[in-house]
Structures are given as C-alpha cells and as structure tokens.
Amino acid sequence: MLQRTHPRRGAVRRIEPTGKQALARLAGSLPGGDLKAALERLLRGQARSDGEDQPLEGEERESHGGDK
C-alpha cells in the first residue's frame, strides 16, 4: 500500500509567530524584486487567514508519478 509522504490538498499550514517575524525581517532587508514581493504576499496571506482554516495561497503540490 502506498503511503503519502506529502500533505493532502487543502491541508492547513500555519507559520508560527517567530517564523513570521523572521520572514518579515528578511523581506525588509531585501531590495525590491520577486523574492521580496513573494515574501510580502505570503505574510499578507497569513495575516488574513489567522484564525481561519485556509491553506497558503498559491500553494503548489508536488507530482509523484501516478499518485493522485
């Protein structure tokens, strides 16, 4: 029997407060660009979903052969 080693679609993932602070510091230290914009979107998405059971925006699943 095949066991899943990755989360199912729609699994809730939250960033802990210390992780959010670290990401905010990192975003603040970066020059403008795609990485900074992505970190800021991630942090805004987390702020909106605090208290709600929603997955991270734009989360992509890995493809594992025939595993659907």
PDB file of N, CA and C in Angstrom:
ATOM      1  N   MET A   1       0.842  -1.178   0.000  1.00  0.00           N
ATOM      2  CA  MET A   1       0.000   0.000   0.000  1.00  0.00           C
ATOM      3  C   MET A   1       0.893   1.250   0.000  1.00  0.00           C
ATOM      4  N   LEU A   2       0.563   2.202  -0.835  1.00  0.00           N
ATOM      5  CA  LEU A   2       1.331   3.434  -0.951  1.00  0.00           C
ATOM      6  C   LEU A   2       0.949   4.403   0.167  1.00  0.00           C
ATOM      7  N   GLN A   3       1.924   4.894   0.896  1.00  0.00           N
ATOM      8  CA  GLN A   3       1.658   5.869   1.947  1.00  0.00           C
ATOM      9  C   GLN A   3       2.062   7.243   1.456  1.00  0.00           C
ATOM     10  N   ARG A   4       1.255   8.223   1.750  1.00  0.00           N
ATOM     11  CA  ARG A   4       1.560   9.594   1.353  1.00  0.00           C
ATOM     12  C   ARG A   4       2.615  10.176   2.289  1.00  0.00           C
ATOM     13  N   THR A   5       3.602  10.825   1.685  1.00  0.00           N
ATOM     14  CA  THR A   5       4.625  11.484   2.489  1.00  0.00           C
ATOM     15  C   THR A   5       4.505  12.995   2.369  1.00  0.00           C
ATOM     16  N   HIS A   6       3.514  13.467   1.618  1.00  0.00           N
ATOM     17  CA  HIS A   6       3.286  14.896   1.469  1.00  0.00           C
ATOM     18  C   HIS A   6       1.860  15.202   1.918  1.00  0.00           C
ATOM     19  N   PRO A   7       1.606  16.435   2.349  1.00  0.00           N
ATOM     20  CA  PRO A   7       0.274  16.778   2.846  1.00  0.00           C
ATOM     21  C   PRO A   7      -0.781  16.669   1.748  1.00  0.00           C
ATOM     22  N   ARG A   8      -1.974  16.366   2.150  1.00  0.00           N
ATOM     23  CA  ARG A   8      -3.092  16.326   1.207  1.00  0.00           C
ATOM     24  C   ARG A   8      -3.460  17.739   0.782  1.00  0.00           C
ATOM     25  N   ARG A   9      -4.083  17.835  -0.375  1.00  0.00           N
ATOM     26  CA  ARG A   9      -4.545  19.132  -0.872  1.00  0.00           C
ATOM     27  C   ARG A   9      -5.487  19.752   0.164  1.00  0.00           C
ATOM     28  N   GLY A  10      -5.318  21.028   0.416  1.00  0.00           N
ATOM     29  CA  GLY A  10      -6.164  21.732   1.365  1.00  0.00           C
ATOM     30  C   GLY A  10      -5.693  21.620   2.809  1.00  0.00           C
ATOM     31  N   ALA A  11      -4.575  20.935   3.029  1.00  0.00           N
ATOM     32  CA  ALA A  11      -4.057  20.827   4.390  1.00  0.00           C
ATOM     33  C   ALA A  11      -3.683  22.222   4.891  1.00  0.00           C
ATOM     34  N   VAL A  12      -4.030  22.506   6.110  1.00  0.00           N
ATOM     35  CA  VAL A  12      -3.762  23.822   6.687  1.00  0.00           C
ATOM     36  C   VAL A  12      -2.314  23.894   7.137  1.00  0.00           C
ATOM     37  N   ARG A  13      -1.637  24.938   6.706  1.00  0.00           N
ATOM     38  CA  ARG A  13      -0.256  25.180   7.134  1.00  0.00           C
ATOM     39  C   ARG A  13      -0.188  26.583   7.690  1.00  0.00           C
ATOM     40  N   ARG A  14       0.330  26.685   8.875  1.00  0.00           N
ATOM     41  CA  ARG A  14       0.458  27.994   9.514  1.00  0.00           C
ATOM     42  C   ARG A  14       1.912  28.271   9.812  1.00  0.00           C
ATOM     43  N   ILE A  15       2.260  29.537   9.761  1.00  0.00           N
ATOM     44  CA  ILE A  15       3.605  29.959  10.118  1.00  0.00           C
ATOM     45  C   ILE A  15       3.545  30.476  11.549  1.00  0.00           C
ATOM     46  N   GLU A  16       4.405  29.954  12.392  1.00  0.00           N
ATOM     47  CA  GLU A  16       4.459  30.377  13.791  1.00  0.00           C
ATOM     48  C   GLU A  16       4.892  31.840  13.883  1.00  0.00           C
ATOM     49  N   PRO A  17       4.558  32.520  14.977  1.00  0.00           N
ATOM     50  CA  PRO A  17       4.923  33.938  15.126  1.00  0.00           C
ATOM     51  C   PRO A  17       6.417  34.222  14.944  1.00  0.00           C
ATOM     52  N   THR A  18       7.275  33.365  15.465  1.00  0.00           N
ATOM     53  CA  THR A  18       8.712  33.619  15.291  1.00  0.00           C
ATOM     54  C   THR A  18       9.113  33.488  13.823  1.00  0.00           C
ATOM     55  N   GLY A  19       8.485  32.575  13.104  1.00  0.00           N
ATOM     56  CA  GLY A  19       8.746  32.431  11.677  1.00  0.00           C
ATOM     57  C   GLY A  19       8.266  33.645  10.896  1.00  0.00           C
ATOM     58  N   LYS A  20       7.095  34.167  11.277  1.00  0.00           N
ATOM     59  CA  LYS A  20       6.567  35.373  10.619  1.00  0.00           C
ATOM     60  C   LYS A  20       7.501  36.557  10.840  1.00  0.00           C
ATOM     61  N   GLN A  21       8.008  36.678  12.063  1.00  0.00           N
ATOM     62  CA  GLN A  21       8.928  37.780  12.364  1.00  0.00           C
ATOM     63  C   GLN A  21      10.207  37.655  11.545  1.00  0.00           C
ATOM     64  N   ALA A  22      10.722  36.441  11.439  1.00  0.00           N
ATOM     65  CA  ALA A  22      11.949  36.220  10.669  1.00  0.00           C
ATOM     66  C   ALA A  22      11.728  36.515   9.189  1.00  0.00           C
ATOM     67  N   LEU A  23      10.587  36.096   8.651  1.00  0.00           N
ATOM     68  CA  LEU A  23      10.286  36.371   7.248  1.00  0.00           C
ATOM     69  C   LEU A  23      10.096  37.867   7.004  1.00  0.00           C
ATOM     70  N   ALA A  24       9.469  38.549   7.952  1.00  0.00           N
ATOM     71  CA  ALA A  24       9.280  39.998   7.819  1.00  0.00           C
ATOM     72  C   ALA A  24      10.628  40.718   7.838  1.00  0.00           C
ATOM     73  N   ARG A  25      11.540  40.287   8.717  1.00  0.00           N
ATOM     74  CA  ARG A  25      12.886  40.886   8.754  1.00  0.00           C
ATOM     75  C   ARG A  25      13.617  40.634   7.441  1.00  0.00           C
ATOM     76  N   LEU A  26      13.512  39.411   6.942  1.00  0.00           N
ATOM     77  CA  LEU A  26      14.164  39.070   5.683  1.00  0.00           C
ATOM     78  C   LEU A  26      13.604  39.920   4.546  1.00  0.00           C
ATOM     79  N   ALA A  27      12.288  40.007   4.457  1.00  0.00           N
ATOM     80  CA  ALA A  27      11.666  40.812   3.399  1.00  0.00           C
ATOM     81  C   ALA A  27      12.108  42.269   3.507  1.00  0.00           C
ATOM     82  N   GLY A  28      12.203  42.781   4.724  1.00  0.00           N
ATOM     83  CA  GLY A  28      12.622  44.167   4.928  1.00  0.00           C
ATOM     84  C   GLY A  28      14.070  44.419   4.549  1.00  0.00           C
ATOM     85  N   SER A  29      14.877  43.375   4.574  1.00  0.00           N
ATOM     86  CA  SER A  29      16.294  43.549   4.259  1.00  0.00           C
ATOM     87  C   SER A  29      16.595  43.392   2.767  1.00  0.00           C
ATOM     88  N   LEU A  30      15.613  42.904   2.006  1.00  0.00           N
ATOM     89  CA  LEU A  30      15.836  42.650   0.585  1.00  0.00           C
ATOM     90  C   LEU A  30      15.544  43.887  -0.260  1.00  0.00           C
ATOM     91  N   PRO A  31      16.278  44.040  -1.370  1.00  0.00           N
ATOM     92  CA  PRO A  31      15.917  45.086  -2.322  1.00  0.00           C
ATOM     93  C   PRO A  31      14.626  44.664  -3.032  1.00  0.00           C
ATOM     94  N   GLY A  32      13.946  45.594  -3.661  1.00  0.00           N
ATOM     95  CA  GLY A  32      12.719  45.257  -4.376  1.00  0.00           C
ATOM     96  C   GLY A  32      12.974  44.159  -5.393  1.00  0.00           C
ATOM     97  N   GLY A  33      12.023  43.302  -5.574  1.00  0.00           N
ATOM     98  CA  GLY A  33      12.176  42.216  -6.538  1.00  0.00           C
ATOM     99  C   GLY A  33      11.162  41.123  -6.273  1.00  0.00           C
ATOM    100  N   ASP A  34      11.280  40.046  -7.042  1.00  0.00           N
ATOM    101  CA  ASP A  34      10.313  38.960  -6.950  1.00  0.00           C
ATOM    102  C   ASP A  34      10.307  38.260  -5.602  1.00  0.00           C
ATOM    103  N   LEU A  35      11.481  38.020  -5.026  1.00  0.00           N
ATOM    104  CA  LEU A  35      11.540  37.325  -3.739  1.00  0.00           C
ATOM    105  C   LEU A  35      10.901  38.164  -2.639  1.00  0.00           C
ATOM    106  N   LYS A  36      11.224  39.452  -2.605  1.00  0.00           N
ATOM    107  CA  LYS A  36      10.637  40.342  -1.599  1.00  0.00           C
ATOM    108  C   LYS A  36       9.114  40.388  -1.757  1.00  0.00           C
ATOM    109  N   ALA A  37       8.639  40.515  -2.986  1.00  0.00           N
ATOM    110  CA  ALA A  37       7.199  40.563  -3.238  1.00  0.00           C
ATOM    111  C   ALA A  37       6.519  39.267  -2.806  1.00  0.00           C
ATOM    112  N   ALA A  38       7.155  38.127  -3.080  1.00  0.00           N
ATOM    113  CA  ALA A  38       6.580  36.841  -2.692  1.00  0.00           C
ATOM    114  C   ALA A  38       6.494  36.703  -1.173  1.00  0.00           C
ATOM    115  N   LEU A  39       7.546  37.122  -0.474  1.00  0.00           N
ATOM    116  CA  LEU A  39       7.519  37.066   0.997  1.00  0.00           C
ATOM    117  C   LEU A  39       6.423  37.965   1.560  1.00  0.00           C
ATOM    118  N   GLU A  40       6.269  39.152   0.985  1.00  0.00           N
ATOM    119  CA  GLU A  40       5.234  40.068   1.462  1.00  0.00           C
ATOM    120  C   GLU A  40       3.839  39.505   1.203  1.00  0.00           C
ATOM    121  N   ARG A  41       3.634  38.868   0.046  1.00  0.00           N
ATOM    122  CA  ARG A  41       2.334  38.230  -0.235  1.00  0.00           C
ATOM    123  C   ARG A  41       2.070  37.101   0.745  1.00  0.00           C
ATOM    124  N   LEU A  42       3.097  36.305   1.010  1.00  0.00           N
ATOM    125  CA  LEU A  42       2.960  35.203   1.963  1.00  0.00           C
ATOM    126  C   LEU A  42       2.545  35.732   3.332  1.00  0.00           C
ATOM    127  N   LEU A  43       3.203  36.783   3.790  1.00  0.00           N
ATOM    128  CA  LEU A  43       2.889  37.348   5.109  1.00  0.00           C
ATOM    129  C   LEU A  43       1.494  37.966   5.132  1.00  0.00           C
ATOM    130  N   ARG A  44       1.089  38.632   4.054  1.00  0.00           N
ATOM    131  CA  ARG A  44      -0.272  39.195   3.994  1.00  0.00           C
ATOM    132  C   ARG A  44      -1.304  38.078   4.017  1.00  0.00           C
ATOM    133  N   GLY A  45      -1.046  37.003   3.296  1.00  0.00           N
ATOM    134  CA  GLY A  45      -1.965  35.862   3.281  1.00  0.00           C
ATOM    135  C   GLY A  45      -2.097  35.235   4.651  1.00  0.00           C
ATOM    136  N   GLN A  46      -0.997  35.167   5.377  1.00  0.00           N
ATOM    137  CA  GLN A  46      -1.038  34.617   6.732  1.00  0.00           C
ATOM    138  C   GLN A  46      -1.827  35.526   7.661  1.00  0.00           C
ATOM    139  N   ALA A  47      -1.670  36.835   7.502  1.00  0.00           N
ATOM    140  CA  ALA A  47      -2.393  37.775   8.358  1.00  0.00           C
ATOM    141  C   ALA A  47      -3.896  37.646   8.129  1.00  0.00           C
ATOM    142  N   ARG A  48      -4.298  37.471   6.864  1.00  0.00           N
ATOM    143  CA  ARG A  48      -5.725  37.320   6.546  1.00  0.00           C
ATOM    144  C   ARG A  48      -6.283  36.013   7.059  1.00  0.00           C
ATOM    145  N   SER A  49      -5.483  34.955   7.023  1.00  0.00           N
ATOM    146  CA  SER A  49      -6.013  33.646   7.379  1.00  0.00           C
ATOM    147  C   SER A  49      -5.831  33.289   8.846  1.00  0.00           C
ATOM    148  N   ASP A  50      -5.195  34.165   9.625  1.00  0.00           N
ATOM    149  CA  ASP A  50      -5.077  33.878  11.056  1.00  0.00           C
ATOM    150  C   ASP A  50      -6.474  33.691  11.632  1.00  0.00           C
ATOM    151  N   GLY A  51      -6.675  32.565  12.269  1.00  0.00           N
ATOM    152  CA  GLY A  51      -7.984  32.267  12.830  1.00  0.00           C
ATOM    153  C   GLY A  51      -8.901  31.558  11.857  1.00  0.00           C
ATOM    154  N   GLU A  52      -8.503  31.424  10.595  1.00  0.00           N
ATOM    155  CA  GLU A  52      -9.296  30.718   9.608  1.00  0.00           C
ATOM    156  C   GLU A  52      -8.534  29.475   9.181  1.00  0.00           C
ATOM    157  N   ASP A  53      -9.242  28.450   8.774  1.00  0.00           N
ATOM    158  CA  ASP A  53      -8.606  27.228   8.301  1.00  0.00           C
ATOM    159  C   ASP A  53      -8.513  27.256   6.791  1.00  0.00           C
ATOM    160  N   GLN A  54      -7.495  27.950   6.268  1.00  0.00           N
ATOM    161  CA  GLN A  54      -7.277  28.035   4.832  1.00  0.00           C
ATOM    162  C   GLN A  54      -5.817  27.719   4.546  1.00  0.00           C
ATOM    163  N   PRO A  55      -5.557  27.037   3.421  1.00  0.00           N
ATOM    164  CA  PRO A  55      -4.166  26.777   3.053  1.00  0.00           C
ATOM    165  C   PRO A  55      -3.499  28.043   2.557  1.00  0.00           C
ATOM    166  N   LEU A  56      -2.175  28.009   2.473  1.00  0.00           N
ATOM    167  CA  LEU A  56      -1.434  29.139   1.941  1.00  0.00           C
ATOM    168  C   LEU A  56      -1.838  29.387   0.499  1.00  0.00           C
ATOM    169  N   GLU A  57      -1.885  30.649   0.092  1.00  0.00           N
ATOM    170  CA  GLU A  57      -2.235  31.000  -1.271  1.00  0.00           C
ATOM    171  C   GLU A  57      -1.158  30.527  -2.232  1.00  0.00           C
ATOM    172  N   GLY A  58      -1.585  30.077  -3.403  1.00  0.00           N
ATOM    173  CA  GLY A  58      -0.640  29.705  -4.438  1.00  0.00           C
ATOM    174  C   GLY A  58       0.158  28.455  -4.142  1.00  0.00           C
ATOM    175  N   GLU A  59      -0.262  27.706  -3.155  1.00  0.00           N
ATOM    176  CA  GLU A  59       0.475  26.508  -2.778  1.00  0.00           C
ATOM    177  C   GLU A  59       0.412  25.506  -3.918  1.00  0.00           C
ATOM    178  N   GLU A  60       1.566  24.979  -4.289  1.00  0.00           N
ATOM    179  CA  GLU A  60       1.623  24.010  -5.365  1.00  0.00           C
ATOM    180  C   GLU A  60       1.929  22.642  -4.787  1.00  0.00           C
ATOM    181  N   ARG A  61       1.308  21.645  -5.379  1.00  0.00           N
ATOM    182  CA  ARG A  61       1.558  20.257  -4.958  1.00  0.00           C
ATOM    183  C   ARG A  61       2.652  19.666  -5.812  1.00  0.00           C
ATOM    184  N   GLU A  62       3.398  18.772  -5.213  1.00  0.00           N
ATOM    185  CA  GLU A  62       4.414  18.049  -5.957  1.00  0.00           C
ATOM    186  C   GLU A  62       3.733  16.884  -6.667  1.00  0.00           C
ATOM    187  N   SER A  63       4.208  16.578  -7.841  1.00  0.00           N
ATOM    188  CA  SER A  63       3.684  15.439  -8.588  1.00  0.00           C
ATOM    189  C   SER A  63       4.535  14.224  -8.260  1.00  0.00           C
ATOM    190  N   HIS A  64       3.890  13.138  -7.901  1.00  0.00           N
ATOM    191  CA  HIS A  64       4.607  11.909  -7.543  1.00  0.00           C
ATOM    192  C   HIS A  64       4.106  10.790  -8.424  1.00  0.00           C
ATOM    193  N   GLY A  65       4.503  10.787  -9.684  1.00  0.00           N
ATOM    194  CA  GLY A  65       4.143   9.713 -10.597  1.00  0.00           C
ATOM    195  C   GLY A  65       2.645   9.540 -10.703  1.00  0.00           C
ATOM    196  N   GLY A  66       2.156   8.324 -10.461  1.00  0.00           N
ATOM    197  CA  GLY A  66       0.737   8.022 -10.586  1.00  0.00           C
ATOM    198  C   GLY A  66      -0.047   8.320  -9.336  1.00  0.00           C
ATOM    199  N   ASP A  67       0.546   8.836  -8.297  1.00  0.00           N
ATOM    200  CA  ASP A  67      -0.139   9.138  -7.032  1.00  0.00           C
ATOM    201  C   ASP A  67      -1.073  10.319  -7.224  1.00  0.00           C
ATOM    202  N   LYS A  68      -2.366  10.073  -7.131  1.00  0.00           N
ATOM    203  CA  LYS A  68      -3.349  11.162  -7.339  1.00  0.00           C
ATOM    204  C   LYS A  68      -4.187  11.362  -6.120  1.00  0.00           C
TER     205      LYS A  68
END
